[in-house]
Protein backbone atom coordinates (compact mmCIF):
# COMPACT_ATOMS: atom_id res chain seq x y z
CA UNK A 1 137.46 178.26 81.19
CA UNK A 2 139.95 177.94 77.92
CA UNK A 3 142.76 175.73 78.12
CA UNK A 4 146.07 177.88 79.54
CA UNK A 5 148.32 179.75 76.98
CA UNK A 6 151.94 180.10 77.93
CA UNK A 7 154.55 182.43 76.54
CA UNK A 8 156.61 180.57 73.78
CA UNK A 9 159.95 178.89 75.99
CA UNK A 10 162.12 176.49 75.08
CA UNK A 11 160.58 172.97 75.86
CA UNK A 12 163.68 171.60 76.95
CA UNK A 13 163.89 174.42 79.38
CA UNK A 14 160.95 173.54 81.50
CA UNK A 15 161.69 171.14 84.19
CA UNK A 16 159.09 167.75 84.80
CA UNK A 17 157.08 167.79 87.65
CA UNK A 18 157.14 165.79 89.98
CA UNK A 19 160.50 164.75 90.85
CA UNK A 20 161.90 162.24 92.58
CA UNK A 21 162.98 163.09 96.41
CA UNK A 22 167.00 162.65 97.01
CA UNK A 23 166.31 162.50 100.24
CA UNK A 24 163.22 161.09 101.40
CA UNK A 25 162.46 163.72 104.00
CA UNK A 26 163.10 166.75 102.01
CA UNK A 27 161.54 168.12 99.03
CA UNK A 28 163.59 167.61 95.29
CA UNK A 29 166.64 170.14 95.50
CA UNK A 30 165.58 171.43 92.43
CA UNK A 31 162.31 172.86 93.45
CA UNK A 32 164.21 174.29 96.77
CA UNK A 33 166.55 175.93 94.14
CA UNK A 34 163.08 177.41 92.48
CA UNK A 35 161.52 178.77 95.88
CA UNK A 36 164.75 181.05 96.15
CA UNK A 37 165.44 182.35 93.15
CA UNK A 38 162.28 182.12 90.75
CA UNK A 39 159.60 180.76 93.52
CA UNK A 40 156.70 181.12 90.79
CA UNK A 41 158.02 179.06 87.72
CA UNK A 42 156.43 176.59 84.72
CA UNK A 43 156.61 172.91 84.95
CA UNK A 44 155.50 170.24 82.88
CA UNK A 45 153.29 167.80 83.97
CA UNK A 46 153.70 164.09 83.89
CA UNK A 47 150.20 164.26 82.34
CA UNK A 48 151.78 166.46 79.48
CA UNK A 49 150.35 169.81 80.19
CA UNK A 50 152.07 172.86 81.61
CA UNK A 51 151.31 174.57 84.98
CA UNK A 52 152.98 177.60 87.31
CA UNK A 53 155.04 175.90 90.43
CA UNK A 54 154.85 177.68 93.47
CA UNK A 55 157.12 177.28 96.00
CA UNK A 56 157.13 179.99 98.78
CA UNK A 57 154.94 179.61 102.18
CA UNK A 58 153.56 182.91 101.42
CA UNK A 59 152.61 182.32 97.92
CA UNK A 60 151.35 178.58 98.96
CA UNK A 61 149.42 179.36 101.56
CA UNK A 62 147.67 182.30 99.11
CA UNK A 63 146.59 180.14 96.79
CA UNK A 64 144.92 177.63 98.39
CA UNK A 65 142.73 180.16 99.90
CA UNK A 66 142.32 182.44 96.52
CA UNK A 67 138.67 182.34 95.54
CA UNK A 68 139.75 182.91 92.02
CA UNK A 69 141.12 179.20 91.75
CA UNK A 70 139.18 175.82 91.29
CA UNK A 71 139.89 172.56 92.54
CA UNK A 72 137.44 170.92 89.77
CA UNK A 73 139.92 168.47 88.33
CA UNK A 74 138.15 168.24 85.08
CA UNK A 75 138.90 171.66 84.08
CA UNK A 76 140.89 171.76 80.90
CA UNK A 77 143.77 173.81 82.76
CA UNK A 78 143.91 171.52 85.70
CA UNK A 79 147.69 170.40 86.21
CA UNK A 80 147.60 166.61 85.35
CA UNK A 81 149.81 164.36 87.62
CA UNK A 82 149.39 161.52 85.20
CA UNK A 83 148.68 160.69 81.72
CA UNK A 84 144.67 160.06 81.17
CA UNK A 85 142.42 159.07 78.26
CA UNK A 86 140.57 161.60 76.58
CA UNK A 87 137.65 159.94 77.44
CA UNK A 88 138.41 160.11 81.09
CA UNK A 89 139.35 163.96 80.92
CA UNK A 90 136.57 164.31 79.39
CA UNK A 91 134.22 162.39 81.94
CA UNK A 92 133.86 161.10 85.63
CA UNK A 93 132.35 157.54 86.17
CA UNK A 94 131.36 159.20 89.53
CA UNK A 95 129.83 162.55 90.94
CA UNK A 96 132.96 164.75 91.88
CA UNK A 97 134.09 164.21 95.56
CA UNK A 98 134.47 166.93 98.19
CA UNK A 99 138.06 167.65 97.13
CA UNK A 100 137.09 168.42 93.64
CA UNK A 101 134.33 170.45 94.44
CA UNK A 102 134.26 174.68 94.71
CA UNK A 103 131.32 176.82 95.93
CA UNK A 104 128.19 176.75 96.45
CA UNK A 105 128.24 172.95 95.85
CA UNK A 106 131.42 172.92 97.95
CA UNK A 107 129.93 175.13 100.86
CA UNK A 108 126.49 172.66 101.08
CA UNK A 109 128.57 169.35 101.18
CA UNK A 110 131.90 169.92 103.51
CA UNK A 111 129.62 170.78 106.78
CA UNK A 112 127.54 167.82 105.98
CA UNK A 113 130.63 165.39 106.37
CA UNK A 114 132.42 168.18 109.04
CA UNK A 115 130.62 166.98 112.09
CA UNK A 116 131.72 163.55 112.34
CA UNK A 117 135.54 164.97 111.69
CA UNK A 118 135.64 167.86 114.20
CA UNK A 119 138.23 168.06 116.65
CA UNK A 120 136.16 167.19 119.61
CA UNK A 121 134.63 164.15 117.69
CA UNK A 122 138.46 163.24 116.92
CA UNK A 123 139.14 163.06 121.11
CA UNK A 124 136.00 161.34 121.99
CA UNK A 125 137.39 158.84 119.12
CA UNK A 126 140.85 158.83 121.11
CA UNK A 127 140.33 155.43 123.24
CA UNK A 128 138.70 153.61 120.31
CA UNK A 129 141.90 154.32 118.48
CA UNK A 130 144.36 153.75 120.97
CA UNK A 131 142.62 150.19 121.44
CA UNK A 132 143.30 149.31 117.53
CA UNK A 133 147.05 150.73 117.65
CA UNK A 134 147.42 148.24 120.90
CA UNK A 135 145.76 145.21 119.05
CA UNK A 136 148.30 146.27 116.20
CA UNK A 137 151.10 146.53 118.55
CA UNK A 138 150.25 143.25 120.35
CA UNK A 139 150.23 141.29 116.66
CA UNK A 140 153.66 142.74 116.09
CA UNK A 141 155.04 141.64 119.40
CA UNK A 142 153.22 137.97 119.17
CA UNK A 143 154.74 137.93 115.30
CA UNK A 144 158.07 139.04 116.55
CA UNK A 145 160.99 140.41 114.32
CA UNK A 146 161.71 141.41 111.92
CA UNK A 147 158.14 142.42 110.57
CA UNK A 148 157.29 145.09 107.93
CA UNK A 149 155.92 147.63 110.07
CA UNK A 150 153.52 149.16 107.04
CA UNK A 151 151.95 145.27 106.88
CA UNK A 152 151.67 145.01 110.87
CA UNK A 153 150.85 148.96 112.15
CA UNK A 154 151.17 151.85 109.02
CA UNK A 155 148.40 149.83 107.35
CA UNK A 156 145.69 148.37 109.73
CA UNK A 157 145.52 151.61 112.01
CA UNK A 158 143.97 153.82 109.33
CA UNK A 159 142.18 151.49 107.77
CA UNK A 160 140.39 149.85 111.13
CA UNK A 161 139.70 153.87 112.40
CA UNK A 162 138.14 154.70 109.11
CA UNK A 163 135.91 151.63 107.99
CA UNK A 164 134.81 152.19 111.90
CA UNK A 165 133.88 155.76 111.09
CA UNK A 166 132.05 155.16 107.91
CA UNK A 167 130.86 151.54 108.31
CA UNK A 168 132.67 149.80 106.03
CA UNK A 169 133.27 146.04 106.75
CA UNK A 170 137.12 145.83 107.33
CA UNK A 171 137.43 142.44 105.71
CA UNK A 172 137.87 144.04 102.39
CA UNK A 173 140.92 146.17 103.91
CA UNK A 174 143.30 144.71 101.63
CA UNK A 175 141.21 144.88 98.58
CA UNK A 176 140.66 148.88 98.93
CA UNK A 177 144.61 149.35 99.99
CA UNK A 178 145.87 147.27 97.15
CA UNK A 179 143.43 149.51 94.91
CA UNK A 180 144.34 152.63 96.49
CA UNK A 181 148.23 152.50 95.93
CA UNK A 182 147.48 151.65 92.54
CA UNK A 183 145.17 154.93 92.39
CA UNK A 184 147.93 157.04 93.90
CA UNK A 185 150.77 155.74 91.25
CA UNK A 186 151.72 158.04 88.50
CA UNK A 187 153.34 155.32 86.66
CA UNK A 188 150.41 153.11 86.66
CA UNK A 189 148.56 153.09 83.31
CA UNK A 190 145.24 155.01 82.94
CA UNK A 191 143.32 152.19 82.57
CA UNK A 192 144.75 150.51 85.46
CA UNK A 193 144.23 153.69 87.49
CA UNK A 194 140.90 153.59 86.76
CA UNK A 195 140.03 149.97 87.32
CA UNK A 196 141.56 150.57 90.74
CA UNK A 197 138.93 153.42 91.28
CA UNK A 198 136.14 151.35 89.82
CA UNK A 199 137.22 148.54 92.21
CA UNK A 200 136.88 150.84 95.43
CA UNK A 201 133.66 152.58 94.01
CA UNK A 202 131.80 149.26 93.45
CA UNK A 203 132.85 147.99 96.77
CA UNK A 204 131.29 151.28 98.42
CA UNK A 205 128.29 150.81 96.25
CA UNK A 206 127.43 147.63 97.81
CA UNK A 207 127.92 149.20 101.41
CA UNK A 208 125.58 152.24 100.43
CA UNK A 209 123.30 149.51 98.77
CA UNK A 210 122.83 147.62 102.01
CA UNK A 211 122.41 151.06 104.22
CA UNK A 212 119.73 151.90 102.17
CA UNK A 213 118.00 148.48 102.99
CA UNK A 214 118.45 149.38 106.70
CA UNK A 215 121.64 147.12 107.11
CA UNK A 216 124.25 150.01 107.30
CA UNK A 217 126.09 151.75 110.55
CA UNK A 218 128.57 154.73 111.08
CA UNK A 219 128.22 157.92 108.71
CA UNK A 220 127.12 155.91 105.73
CA UNK A 221 123.82 155.20 107.10
CA UNK A 222 123.79 158.36 108.29
CA UNK A 223 124.29 159.93 105.11
CA UNK A 224 121.98 157.79 103.44
CA UNK A 225 119.22 158.68 106.13
CA UNK A 226 119.40 162.31 105.71
CA UNK A 227 120.34 162.82 101.99
CA UNK A 228 117.40 159.63 100.89
CA UNK A 229 117.80 156.74 98.68
CA UNK A 230 117.49 159.09 95.44
CA UNK A 231 120.90 160.65 95.99
CA UNK A 232 123.02 157.36 96.72
CA UNK A 233 125.51 158.59 94.39
CA UNK A 234 126.57 161.45 96.53
CA UNK A 235 126.62 159.46 98.99
CA UNK A 236 129.18 156.72 97.64
CA UNK A 237 131.53 159.69 96.41
CA UNK A 238 131.47 161.15 100.02
CA UNK A 239 132.56 157.69 101.26
CA UNK A 240 135.19 157.40 98.14
CA UNK A 241 137.01 160.02 99.18
CA UNK A 242 136.85 159.73 102.84
CA UNK A 243 137.78 156.17 102.49
CA UNK A 244 141.19 156.87 100.44
CA UNK A 245 142.35 160.06 102.02
CA UNK A 246 141.60 158.54 105.39
CA UNK A 247 143.89 155.46 104.79
CA UNK A 248 146.33 156.64 102.61
CA UNK A 249 147.72 159.60 103.97
CA UNK A 250 147.74 158.64 107.59
CA UNK A 251 149.28 155.16 106.86
CA UNK A 252 152.45 156.78 105.01
CA UNK A 253 152.53 159.47 107.81
CA UNK A 254 153.01 156.51 110.53
CA UNK A 255 155.40 154.78 108.20
CA UNK A 256 157.51 158.03 107.08
CA UNK A 257 157.24 159.56 110.47
CA UNK A 258 158.79 156.18 112.20
CA UNK A 259 161.32 156.18 110.01
CA UNK A 260 162.17 159.79 110.74
CA UNK A 261 161.92 159.14 114.58
CA UNK A 262 164.66 156.42 114.06
CA UNK A 263 167.00 158.09 111.85
CA UNK A 264 167.20 161.16 114.46
CA UNK A 265 167.54 158.99 117.55
CA UNK A 266 168.41 162.26 119.45
CA UNK A 267 164.55 163.52 118.77
CA UNK A 268 163.02 160.53 119.58
CA UNK A 269 164.68 160.40 122.94
CA UNK A 270 163.04 163.52 123.52
CA UNK A 271 159.84 162.32 122.70
CA UNK A 272 159.70 159.16 124.32
CA UNK A 273 161.53 161.02 127.79
CA UNK A 274 158.15 163.23 128.32
CA UNK A 275 154.74 161.57 126.56
CA UNK A 276 153.25 165.37 126.62
CA UNK A 277 155.89 166.01 123.88
CA UNK A 278 154.10 163.84 121.50
CA UNK A 279 151.45 166.73 119.85
CA UNK A 280 154.28 168.74 119.18
CA UNK A 281 156.39 165.70 117.63
CA UNK A 282 153.15 164.98 115.56
CA UNK A 283 153.22 168.17 113.86
CA UNK A 284 157.05 168.49 113.30
CA UNK A 285 156.76 165.67 111.96
CA UNK A 286 153.84 166.39 109.61
CA UNK A 287 155.96 169.22 108.52
CA UNK A 288 159.18 167.71 107.91
CA UNK A 289 157.76 164.83 106.24
CA UNK A 290 155.25 166.97 104.09
CA UNK A 291 154.06 163.59 102.27
CA UNK A 292 151.34 165.60 99.98
CA UNK A 293 152.91 165.47 96.75
CA UNK A 294 149.85 166.17 94.38
CA UNK A 295 146.79 166.49 96.19
CA UNK A 296 146.92 170.82 96.12
CA UNK A 297 146.74 171.37 92.51
CA UNK A 298 144.22 174.31 91.05
CA UNK A 299 143.45 175.94 88.14
CA UNK A 300 142.80 179.92 88.11
CA UNK A 301 139.15 180.74 86.99
CA UNK A 302 140.04 184.49 86.76
CA UNK A 303 143.57 186.48 86.65
CA UNK A 304 145.65 186.45 89.48
CA UNK A 305 149.10 187.62 90.73
CA UNK A 306 151.06 184.92 92.53
CA UNK A 307 154.44 185.94 93.74
CA UNK A 308 154.70 188.81 91.13
CA UNK A 309 153.80 186.51 88.66
CA UNK A 310 150.49 186.95 86.39
CA UNK A 311 148.63 183.78 86.25
CA UNK A 312 145.88 183.62 83.43
CA UNK A 313 142.62 182.70 83.70
CA UNK A 314 142.43 178.66 82.60
CA UNK A 315 145.93 178.43 83.54
CA UNK A 316 147.24 175.56 86.16
CA UNK A 317 148.76 175.98 89.44
CA UNK A 318 150.78 173.86 91.50
CA UNK A 319 151.55 174.68 95.35
CA UNK A 320 154.55 172.88 96.55
CA UNK A 321 153.33 172.05 100.34
CA UNK A 322 157.14 170.16 100.76
CA UNK A 323 159.09 173.41 99.56
CA UNK A 324 156.39 175.92 101.55
CA UNK A 325 157.06 173.41 104.64
CA UNK A 326 161.05 174.02 104.48
CA UNK A 327 160.73 177.84 103.95
CA UNK A 328 163.37 179.33 105.84
CA UNK A 329 161.26 182.99 105.91
CA UNK A 330 158.73 180.81 108.01
CA UNK A 331 161.04 178.21 109.97
CA UNK A 332 164.02 178.71 111.10
CA UNK A 333 166.38 175.73 110.38
CA UNK A 334 163.89 174.51 108.06
CA UNK A 335 165.85 171.12 107.35
CA UNK A 336 166.57 170.31 110.83
CA UNK A 337 163.84 168.03 112.65
CA UNK A 338 163.31 169.54 115.94
CA UNK A 339 160.37 168.40 118.04
CA UNK A 340 160.53 171.23 120.38
CA UNK A 341 160.07 173.71 117.36
CA UNK A 342 157.39 176.51 118.34
CA UNK A 343 154.07 175.83 116.86
CA UNK A 344 154.06 177.68 113.23
CA UNK A 345 151.68 177.46 110.31
CA UNK A 346 152.84 174.50 108.36
CA UNK A 347 150.65 173.52 105.44
CA UNK A 348 151.01 169.77 105.71
CA UNK A 349 146.81 169.40 105.82
CA UNK A 350 146.73 172.36 103.19
CA UNK A 351 145.15 175.58 103.56
CA UNK A 352 141.54 177.29 103.13
CA UNK A 353 138.42 175.72 102.03
CA UNK A 354 139.52 172.75 100.93
CA UNK A 355 142.15 172.15 103.95
CA UNK A 356 142.24 168.31 105.25
CA UNK A 357 138.94 167.52 106.36
CA UNK A 358 140.20 164.65 108.43
CA UNK A 359 143.32 166.86 110.44
CA UNK A 360 142.11 166.48 113.47
CA UNK A 361 141.55 162.39 112.96
CA UNK A 362 145.12 162.20 111.90
CA UNK A 363 146.49 163.81 114.75
CA UNK A 364 144.76 161.71 117.17
CA UNK A 365 145.92 158.70 115.21
CA UNK A 366 149.61 159.73 114.84
CA UNK A 367 150.05 160.79 118.28
CA UNK A 368 148.38 157.62 119.58
CA UNK A 369 150.59 155.01 117.57
CA UNK A 370 154.16 157.09 118.37
CA UNK A 371 153.19 157.23 121.97
CA UNK A 372 152.34 153.56 121.92
CA UNK A 373 154.72 152.16 119.64
CA UNK A 374 158.16 153.34 121.20
CA UNK A 375 156.69 152.65 124.88
CA UNK A 376 156.00 149.38 124.07
CA UNK A 377 158.69 148.71 121.67
CA UNK A 378 161.53 150.83 123.12
CA UNK A 379 164.16 149.10 121.37
CA UNK A 380 162.62 149.51 117.90
CA UNK A 381 165.15 149.78 114.95
CA UNK A 382 165.05 149.43 110.84
CA UNK A 383 166.31 145.98 109.86
CA UNK A 384 167.78 147.92 106.62
CA UNK A 385 170.13 150.41 106.24
CA UNK A 386 168.01 153.66 104.82
CA UNK A 387 169.32 153.20 101.48
CA UNK A 388 167.58 150.28 101.07
CA UNK A 389 164.30 151.03 102.10
CA UNK A 390 161.56 150.67 99.29
CA UNK A 391 160.14 154.35 99.09
CA UNK A 392 156.88 154.99 97.28
CA UNK A 393 158.70 157.34 94.87
CA UNK A 394 156.04 157.09 92.59
CA UNK A 395 153.34 157.48 94.76
CA UNK A 396 151.10 160.82 94.92
CA UNK A 397 151.10 160.68 98.42
CA UNK A 398 155.03 159.90 99.86
CA UNK A 399 155.35 157.35 102.06
CA UNK A 400 157.34 153.79 103.12
CA UNK A 401 156.36 150.69 100.99
CA UNK A 402 157.60 148.23 103.22
CA UNK A 403 159.64 149.26 106.11
CA UNK A 404 161.47 146.29 107.61
CA UNK A 405 162.13 146.57 111.76
CA UNK A 406 163.37 144.64 114.53
CA UNK A 407 164.08 144.98 118.02
């Protein structure tokens, strides 16, 4: 695969990617304008290379399911969301995890992990997840307001759940939560991001080593038993992506979703008046918030046409889930939060072979959180105005850094 070769276009005319959101719940306005005018267009990545920005729902969906695209981040033309050293671009300190893999490796690995993340398995976990949520709410109530919802609810719920699934001791949660935040930070230096990833890797290597000695539990122990001691590196890589994805995405959806409901009291009232509306509310919040900013990039492995534009082999592609989920050709009144919206194919979990492995689990976690939070603390409200909320504007997974609440 060769590096991308774009035609001559003045550098000053190529917008940067990613841009900051103007509204915490909506895509940056320039992306929305591009969806309407030039739905497939060039952007300059923060990491320095150029790529194709894809903004319409139909085109985003097509790219994510196109076998002529690759998710391998080591490819020369892969869109770089943050600067990296040359050494980091040429090599990886661990075996590529599931979300970097292409067939046939991906075809072998995903079913191996999927059995622990089916919709049926997520439903069987619902009582345990509800217990975790209730324990966090008890902590909130005993602590009393004001407090940070991220620290007391949004972070601990997914961390406890994914630790339980993997067999990772929860007492290391502060270590991996802090490291994951640095890994997601586009403004952090390459050495700092790499150090954070190695820290998480080191924690998981110890867990995998314990499992290899017969002292493990959960998914890690199962993978070690099935793979054998000769392939512990692949077990560690799988645990790495599951821990990171299982923590950071759900945590940010809890915080941003809670804030969205508090900012839309009419929709909150509709949800709390009938618990059966909670699943639909979760789907609408996933669409409305669209927290994934930089996890769906691809590289073309062969020439392909996207939205009438020819993308050459080796060129990077950035499908923008945020704009796809606000596409007026698919969603009526797309900029409104409407928990009664008819179910449509939002792309919050991606699409195609790399669709989020833990989507069923995330849905159950979010349903348990939003139902219990507003049932047990019905007077919950933000303790600061919206313009004083600290958002994760520099993160590849958008969300709230700190959400002071009271009741």
